[in-house]
C-alpha cells in the first residue's frame, strides 16, 4: 500500500527492495507541482513547490522557485533531462485543466481549427494572459474580459480585491439564480468534496487564478520545441482509458491535473511546509502505485461515468488524476 494511504506507512528501504521485483512500470519519473498565482516573487508557505520522485525510490526536491517563470524553467529542464535519458514522465500541476462544458462555445471561440474545445480555450487564455518574470500578471483583467464575452456581466468568474472590482468582475459571486449558461463545477468536482470551482479567483482556494496563470505555462511546456513531439495531455489526448504500452505511445511526457489534498501527507514529510509535504507525498504515491502495478487503472477514470459524460471529460472538462 502507498505511504499516502490512510493508516499505512512504509519506509523507502522496503520500496527499494520491492522495486527490484516489481512489474514493468508505466513511468520512470513522477513530478507533482503545487502552483501559485502570487503577484510578486514568493517562497515558503503559499508559494510554488514541486518535487520529482523516481521509480527507483530516489527523490529530487522539494524545490521552491520564487516565480512561475523560474518554476517553468526548472520543470522544463527536468523534462528534457528525463527525455534525454529515455525516461517516461508523469507531470501534474494542481489546478483545473478544463472548464465546465460549453465554455469555449459560450465564449464564441472558433473551434474549427483545432476541433478541440480544451485546446481552443487554452490557446485563447494564453494569448490574453500576461505573466512577467517577476510574477506581475493581468489575471483579473483577463477574467473581466472573459466575463464580458460570456455574459456581459460579472459572471462566471468572480473574486478580486475591492480595488480591482469593475462592471465585469466583482469581489463576490454573482451566480445567476434563474439558471446559467454554464455549470458552476465540472463533473469531476461534483464527485468529490474539497476542490473549489474554477471560477473563483481570490482568497483561499482560488483555483481560478491558478488556472489562468497555469494553463499558459502547461501549454508552453506542451508546445516547447524540445518537448512537443513527445508530450501529451491526459485525458484530452489519450482518452479516459488505460494507457497504451510504452513502446507504442508516441510520447514520453504525460501532463495530468492533480489535487494534492486528495492524499494524506506521508509521515516522512510532516516536518516540511505543508505545500512541500503535499507534492513530495503525491509524487511518492504515484511512484509507489506504479511500482505495485496499480497506477495504470487510474487513467480510466471512474466506471460510473456515462458515455456522454466521458465525452465531455475528454473533449473539454478534463479530470483530476486519481479521483
Protein backbone atom coordinates (compact mmCIF):
# COMPACT_ATOMS: atom_id res chain seq x y z
CA UNK A 1 0.00 0.00 0.00
CA UNK A 2 1.28 3.53 -0.76
CA UNK A 3 2.58 5.72 2.04
CA UNK A 4 -0.16 8.18 1.09
CA UNK A 5 -2.83 5.67 2.07
CA UNK A 6 -4.51 6.18 5.42
CA UNK A 7 -3.02 4.35 8.40
CA UNK A 8 -0.33 2.83 6.20
CA UNK A 9 3.30 3.92 6.40
CA UNK A 10 6.22 2.13 4.83
CA UNK A 11 9.88 3.03 4.55
CA UNK A 12 11.84 3.84 1.43
CA UNK A 13 14.15 0.87 2.15
CA UNK A 14 11.24 -1.50 1.73
CA UNK A 15 10.20 0.14 -1.53
CA UNK A 16 13.71 -0.09 -2.93
CA UNK A 17 13.57 -3.84 -2.28
CA UNK A 18 10.10 -4.08 -3.82
CA UNK A 19 11.32 -2.14 -6.83
CA UNK A 20 13.74 -4.95 -7.68
CA UNK A 21 10.89 -7.41 -8.23
CA UNK A 22 8.16 -5.04 -9.41
CA UNK A 23 6.18 -5.35 -12.62
CA UNK A 24 7.03 -3.09 -15.55
CA UNK A 25 6.09 0.47 -14.64
CA UNK A 26 4.06 2.99 -16.65
CA UNK A 27 6.61 5.75 -15.94
CA UNK A 28 10.13 6.28 -14.65
CA UNK A 29 9.64 9.72 -13.08
CA UNK A 30 6.73 11.47 -11.38
CA UNK A 31 6.56 15.24 -10.93
CA UNK A 32 3.98 16.97 -8.73
CA UNK A 33 3.62 20.76 -8.76
CA UNK A 34 1.80 22.97 -6.26
CA UNK A 35 1.08 26.14 -8.23
CA UNK A 36 0.56 29.74 -7.10
CA UNK A 37 -0.91 32.89 -8.64
CA UNK A 38 1.08 35.30 -6.46
CA UNK A 39 1.59 38.80 -7.87
CA UNK A 40 5.19 39.01 -6.64
CA UNK A 41 8.09 36.60 -6.04
CA UNK A 42 7.42 34.43 -3.01
CA UNK A 43 8.83 31.36 -1.27
CA UNK A 44 7.92 29.19 1.71
CA UNK A 45 4.21 28.88 2.58
CA UNK A 46 1.61 29.53 -0.13
CA UNK A 47 4.12 29.61 -2.96
CA UNK A 48 5.20 27.23 -5.72
CA UNK A 49 6.62 23.87 -4.70
CA UNK A 50 7.47 20.90 -6.88
CA UNK A 51 9.02 17.51 -6.37
CA UNK A 52 10.19 14.67 -8.58
CA UNK A 53 10.14 11.04 -7.46
CA UNK A 54 11.68 8.23 -9.45
CA UNK A 55 10.74 4.61 -9.93
CA UNK A 56 13.98 3.54 -8.25
CA UNK A 57 12.91 5.17 -4.97
CA UNK A 58 15.04 8.30 -5.21
CA UNK A 59 13.62 11.82 -4.98
CA UNK A 60 14.64 15.28 -6.20
CA UNK A 61 13.27 18.20 -4.24
CA UNK A 62 11.17 19.68 -2.97
CA UNK A 63 12.05 22.77 -4.97
CA UNK A 64 10.63 26.20 -4.12
CA UNK A 65 11.13 28.63 -7.04
CA UNK A 66 10.03 32.17 -6.24
CA UNK A 67 8.29 32.82 -9.56
CA UNK A 68 6.21 30.99 -12.16
CA UNK A 69 8.82 31.75 -14.80
CA UNK A 70 11.55 30.12 -12.72
CA UNK A 71 9.33 27.12 -11.93
CA UNK A 72 8.53 26.62 -15.60
CA UNK A 73 12.23 26.82 -16.46
CA UNK A 74 13.16 24.23 -13.80
CA UNK A 75 10.40 21.81 -14.78
CA UNK A 76 11.24 22.18 -18.48
CA UNK A 77 14.86 21.31 -17.70
CA UNK A 78 13.77 18.26 -15.71
CA UNK A 79 11.52 17.05 -18.54
CA UNK A 80 14.26 17.49 -21.14
CA UNK A 81 16.76 15.64 -18.92
CA UNK A 82 14.28 12.78 -18.46
CA UNK A 83 13.63 12.59 -22.19
CA UNK A 84 17.34 12.58 -22.99
CA UNK A 85 17.75 9.67 -20.58
CA UNK A 86 14.79 7.86 -22.23
CA UNK A 87 12.69 8.17 -19.08
CA UNK A 88 8.88 8.41 -19.26
CA UNK A 89 7.49 11.15 -17.02
CA UNK A 90 4.10 11.82 -15.45
CA UNK A 91 3.87 15.52 -14.55
CA UNK A 92 0.92 17.10 -12.75
CA UNK A 93 0.00 20.67 -11.78
CA UNK A 94 -2.63 21.32 -9.11
CA UNK A 95 -5.13 23.48 -10.97
CA UNK A 96 -8.04 22.71 -13.32
CA UNK A 97 -7.01 21.88 -16.88
CA UNK A 98 -10.53 22.48 -18.16
CA UNK A 99 -13.72 24.45 -17.59
CA UNK A 100 -17.33 23.31 -17.31
CA UNK A 101 -18.94 22.10 -20.52
CA UNK A 102 -19.71 24.64 -23.28
CA UNK A 103 -17.26 27.28 -22.00
CA UNK A 104 -15.47 27.55 -25.36
CA UNK A 105 -18.80 27.74 -27.17
CA UNK A 106 -20.16 30.37 -24.78
CA UNK A 107 -17.01 32.44 -25.31
CA UNK A 108 -17.78 32.38 -29.02
CA UNK A 109 -14.47 30.73 -29.90
CA UNK A 110 -13.90 29.33 -33.37
CA UNK A 111 -13.26 25.62 -32.82
CA UNK A 112 -12.84 24.65 -36.45
CA UNK A 113 -9.04 25.00 -36.43
CA UNK A 114 -8.26 22.62 -33.57
CA UNK A 115 -11.59 20.85 -33.27
CA UNK A 116 -10.87 20.54 -29.55
CA UNK A 117 -12.67 22.84 -27.09
CA UNK A 118 -9.99 22.36 -24.40
CA UNK A 119 -7.13 23.33 -26.72
CA UNK A 120 -9.02 26.25 -28.24
CA UNK A 121 -9.66 27.55 -24.72
CA UNK A 122 -6.05 27.03 -23.64
CA UNK A 123 -4.70 28.98 -26.61
CA UNK A 124 -7.24 31.78 -26.15
CA UNK A 125 -6.32 32.22 -22.48
CA UNK A 126 -2.59 32.05 -23.26
CA UNK A 127 -2.98 34.84 -25.82
CA UNK A 128 -4.74 37.06 -23.26
CA UNK A 129 -2.56 36.40 -20.23
CA UNK A 130 0.50 38.49 -19.45
CA UNK A 131 2.63 36.96 -16.73
CA UNK A 132 6.01 38.63 -16.26
CA UNK A 133 9.17 37.11 -14.84
CA UNK A 134 8.53 38.88 -11.51
CA UNK A 135 5.01 37.33 -11.23
CA UNK A 136 3.22 40.55 -12.21
CA UNK A 137 0.15 39.42 -14.15
CA UNK A 138 -3.18 40.58 -15.55
CA UNK A 139 -5.42 37.72 -14.44
CA UNK A 140 -8.19 39.97 -13.06
CA UNK A 141 -8.35 41.95 -16.29
CA UNK A 142 -8.46 38.71 -18.27
CA UNK A 143 -11.26 37.34 -16.09
CA UNK A 144 -13.25 40.53 -16.64
CA UNK A 145 -12.74 40.24 -20.40
CA UNK A 146 -13.89 36.62 -20.34
CA UNK A 147 -16.97 37.58 -18.29
CA UNK A 148 -17.84 40.27 -20.79
CA UNK A 149 -17.74 37.74 -23.63
CA UNK A 150 -19.77 35.15 -21.75
CA UNK A 151 -22.46 37.27 -20.09
CA UNK A 152 -21.64 40.98 -20.43
CA UNK A 153 -21.91 40.94 -16.62
CA UNK A 154 -19.78 39.85 -13.65
CA UNK A 155 -20.24 36.14 -14.39
CA UNK A 156 -18.96 33.38 -14.32
CA UNK A 157 -15.55 34.43 -12.89
CA UNK A 158 -15.63 36.14 -9.52
CA UNK A 159 -13.34 37.20 -6.69
CA UNK A 160 -10.84 40.05 -6.55
CA UNK A 161 -9.62 42.79 -4.20
CA UNK A 162 -12.17 45.57 -3.79
CA UNK A 163 -9.79 47.92 -5.58
CA UNK A 164 -9.92 45.67 -8.68
CA UNK A 165 -13.71 45.47 -8.96
CA UNK A 166 -15.29 46.64 -12.21
CA UNK A 167 -18.51 46.19 -14.15
CA UNK A 168 -17.49 42.71 -15.30
CA UNK A 169 -15.75 41.42 -12.18
CA UNK A 170 -16.98 41.55 -8.59
CA UNK A 171 -15.39 40.55 -5.30
CA UNK A 172 -18.32 38.24 -4.53
CA UNK A 173 -20.02 35.63 -6.64
CA UNK A 174 -22.82 36.86 -8.90
CA UNK A 175 -24.03 33.42 -9.96
CA UNK A 176 -27.49 33.75 -11.57
CA UNK A 177 -30.36 32.38 -9.51
CA UNK A 178 -32.61 31.74 -12.51
CA UNK A 179 -30.27 29.41 -14.36
CA UNK A 180 -26.89 29.89 -16.02
CA UNK A 181 -25.42 29.01 -19.42
CA UNK A 182 -22.53 27.24 -17.66
CA UNK A 183 -22.20 24.86 -14.76
CA UNK A 184 -20.64 26.08 -11.55
CA UNK A 185 -18.48 22.96 -11.30
CA UNK A 186 -17.11 20.32 -13.63
CA UNK A 187 -18.26 16.70 -13.49
CA UNK A 188 -15.17 15.64 -11.53
CA UNK A 189 -15.62 18.38 -8.93
CA UNK A 190 -19.19 17.27 -8.33
CA UNK A 191 -17.97 13.78 -7.46
CA UNK A 192 -15.55 14.65 -4.66
CA UNK A 193 -15.51 17.03 -1.72
CA UNK A 194 -12.80 19.66 -1.49
CA UNK A 195 -11.94 21.20 -4.88
CA UNK A 196 -13.21 24.73 -5.43
CA UNK A 197 -14.92 25.87 -8.62
CA UNK A 198 -12.62 27.07 -11.38
CA UNK A 199 -14.40 30.44 -11.46
CA UNK A 200 -13.07 31.54 -8.02
CA UNK A 201 -10.15 33.96 -8.38
CA UNK A 202 -9.37 35.33 -4.92
CA UNK A 203 -8.86 34.31 -1.26
CA UNK A 204 -8.42 30.72 -0.03
CA UNK A 205 -8.89 28.04 -2.66
CA UNK A 206 -8.73 30.47 -5.59
CA UNK A 207 -8.02 27.82 -8.22
CA UNK A 208 -9.43 30.13 -10.89
CA UNK A 209 -6.37 32.36 -10.67
CA UNK A 210 -4.08 29.35 -10.61
CA UNK A 211 -5.71 28.05 -13.79
CA UNK A 212 -5.46 31.39 -15.61
CA UNK A 213 -1.76 31.72 -14.76
CA UNK A 214 -1.02 28.00 -15.03
CA UNK A 215 -2.70 26.88 -18.25
CA UNK A 216 -0.41 29.07 -20.41
CA UNK A 217 2.61 27.56 -18.65
CA UNK A 218 1.50 23.96 -19.25
CA UNK A 219 0.65 24.85 -22.85
CA UNK A 220 4.13 26.32 -23.16
CA UNK A 221 5.68 23.05 -21.98
CA UNK A 222 3.47 21.01 -24.32
CA UNK A 223 4.34 23.28 -27.26
CA UNK A 224 8.05 23.64 -26.41
CA UNK A 225 10.26 22.88 -29.41
CA UNK A 226 12.19 20.24 -27.43
CA UNK A 227 9.09 18.61 -25.91
CA UNK A 228 6.16 18.98 -28.31
CA UNK A 229 6.72 15.76 -30.26
CA UNK A 230 6.94 13.68 -27.08
CA UNK A 231 4.21 15.30 -24.95
CA UNK A 232 0.52 14.59 -24.41
CA UNK A 233 -2.18 15.84 -22.03
CA UNK A 234 -4.42 13.38 -20.19
CA UNK A 235 -7.29 12.74 -20.77
CA UNK A 236 -7.66 15.19 -23.68
CA UNK A 237 -5.10 13.49 -25.94
CA UNK A 238 -5.13 9.95 -24.57
CA UNK A 239 -8.79 9.37 -23.81
CA UNK A 240 -10.19 8.38 -20.46
CA UNK A 241 -8.81 4.86 -20.59
CA UNK A 242 -5.75 2.81 -19.76
CA UNK A 243 -2.57 3.97 -21.42
CA UNK A 244 -1.14 2.05 -24.38
CA UNK A 245 2.09 0.07 -23.85
CA UNK A 246 5.18 2.22 -23.53
CA UNK A 247 6.60 1.06 -26.85
CA UNK A 248 3.68 2.33 -28.94
CA UNK A 249 2.68 5.54 -27.13
CA UNK A 250 4.40 8.10 -29.31
CA UNK A 251 5.06 10.27 -26.25
CA UNK A 252 7.30 10.18 -23.17
CA UNK A 253 5.75 13.02 -21.16
CA UNK A 254 2.17 12.95 -19.92
CA UNK A 255 0.59 16.01 -18.31
CA UNK A 256 -2.26 15.40 -15.87
CA UNK A 257 -4.23 17.60 -13.49
CA UNK A 258 -3.65 16.70 -9.83
CA UNK A 259 -5.16 17.51 -6.44
CA UNK A 260 -2.51 17.14 -3.69
CA UNK A 261 -5.03 17.33 -0.84
CA UNK A 262 -6.58 14.05 -2.03
CA UNK A 263 -3.76 12.09 -0.37
CA UNK A 264 -2.89 12.30 3.36
CA UNK A 265 0.63 13.60 3.96
CA UNK A 266 3.18 10.83 4.50
CA UNK A 267 4.86 10.87 7.93
CA UNK A 268 8.25 11.19 6.23
CA UNK A 269 7.36 14.73 5.17
CA UNK A 270 5.33 16.12 8.07
CA UNK A 271 8.09 18.49 9.20
CA UNK A 272 8.05 20.29 5.86
CA UNK A 273 5.98 23.30 4.81
CA UNK A 274 2.54 21.86 4.01
CA UNK A 275 2.70 22.55 0.27
CA UNK A 276 6.14 20.94 0.06
CA UNK A 277 4.96 17.92 2.03
CA UNK A 278 1.98 17.50 -0.26
CA UNK A 279 3.95 17.45 -3.52
CA UNK A 280 6.53 15.08 -2.03
CA UNK A 281 3.74 12.80 -0.82
CA UNK A 282 1.90 12.82 -4.14
CA UNK A 283 4.97 12.23 -6.31
CA UNK A 284 6.00 9.42 -3.94
CA UNK A 285 2.49 7.96 -4.01
CA UNK A 286 2.46 7.86 -7.81
CA UNK A 287 5.81 6.08 -7.83
CA UNK A 288 4.62 3.57 -5.25
CA UNK A 289 1.37 2.85 -7.05
CA UNK A 290 3.25 2.34 -10.29
CA UNK A 291 5.74 0.04 -8.59
CA UNK A 292 2.79 -2.05 -7.36
CA UNK A 293 1.22 -2.12 -10.82
CA UNK A 294 -1.80 -0.06 -9.68
CA UNK A 295 -1.19 3.31 -11.33
CA UNK A 296 -2.40 2.38 -14.81
CA UNK A 297 -6.02 1.79 -13.83
CA UNK A 298 -6.38 5.41 -12.64
CA UNK A 299 -6.19 6.71 -16.21
CA UNK A 300 -9.59 5.14 -16.98
CA UNK A 301 -11.49 7.32 -14.53
CA UNK A 302 -14.50 6.01 -12.60
CA UNK A 303 -16.60 3.32 -14.34
CA UNK A 304 -19.78 5.12 -13.22
CA UNK A 305 -19.43 7.83 -15.89
CA UNK A 306 -21.90 7.66 -18.76
CA UNK A 307 -20.68 7.74 -22.36
CA UNK A 308 -21.89 11.33 -22.63
CA UNK A 309 -20.01 12.34 -19.50
CA UNK A 310 -16.84 10.65 -20.70
CA UNK A 311 -17.06 12.54 -23.98
CA UNK A 312 -17.41 15.84 -22.08
CA UNK A 313 -14.43 14.98 -19.88
CA UNK A 314 -12.22 14.02 -22.83
CA UNK A 315 -13.11 17.00 -25.02
CA UNK A 316 -13.43 19.91 -22.64
CA UNK A 317 -13.62 19.47 -18.88
CA UNK A 318 -10.70 17.20 -18.07
CA UNK A 319 -10.38 15.16 -14.88
CA UNK A 320 -8.40 15.16 -11.64
CA UNK A 321 -5.95 12.26 -11.83
CA UNK A 322 -6.59 9.73 -9.08
CA UNK A 323 -10.17 10.83 -8.36
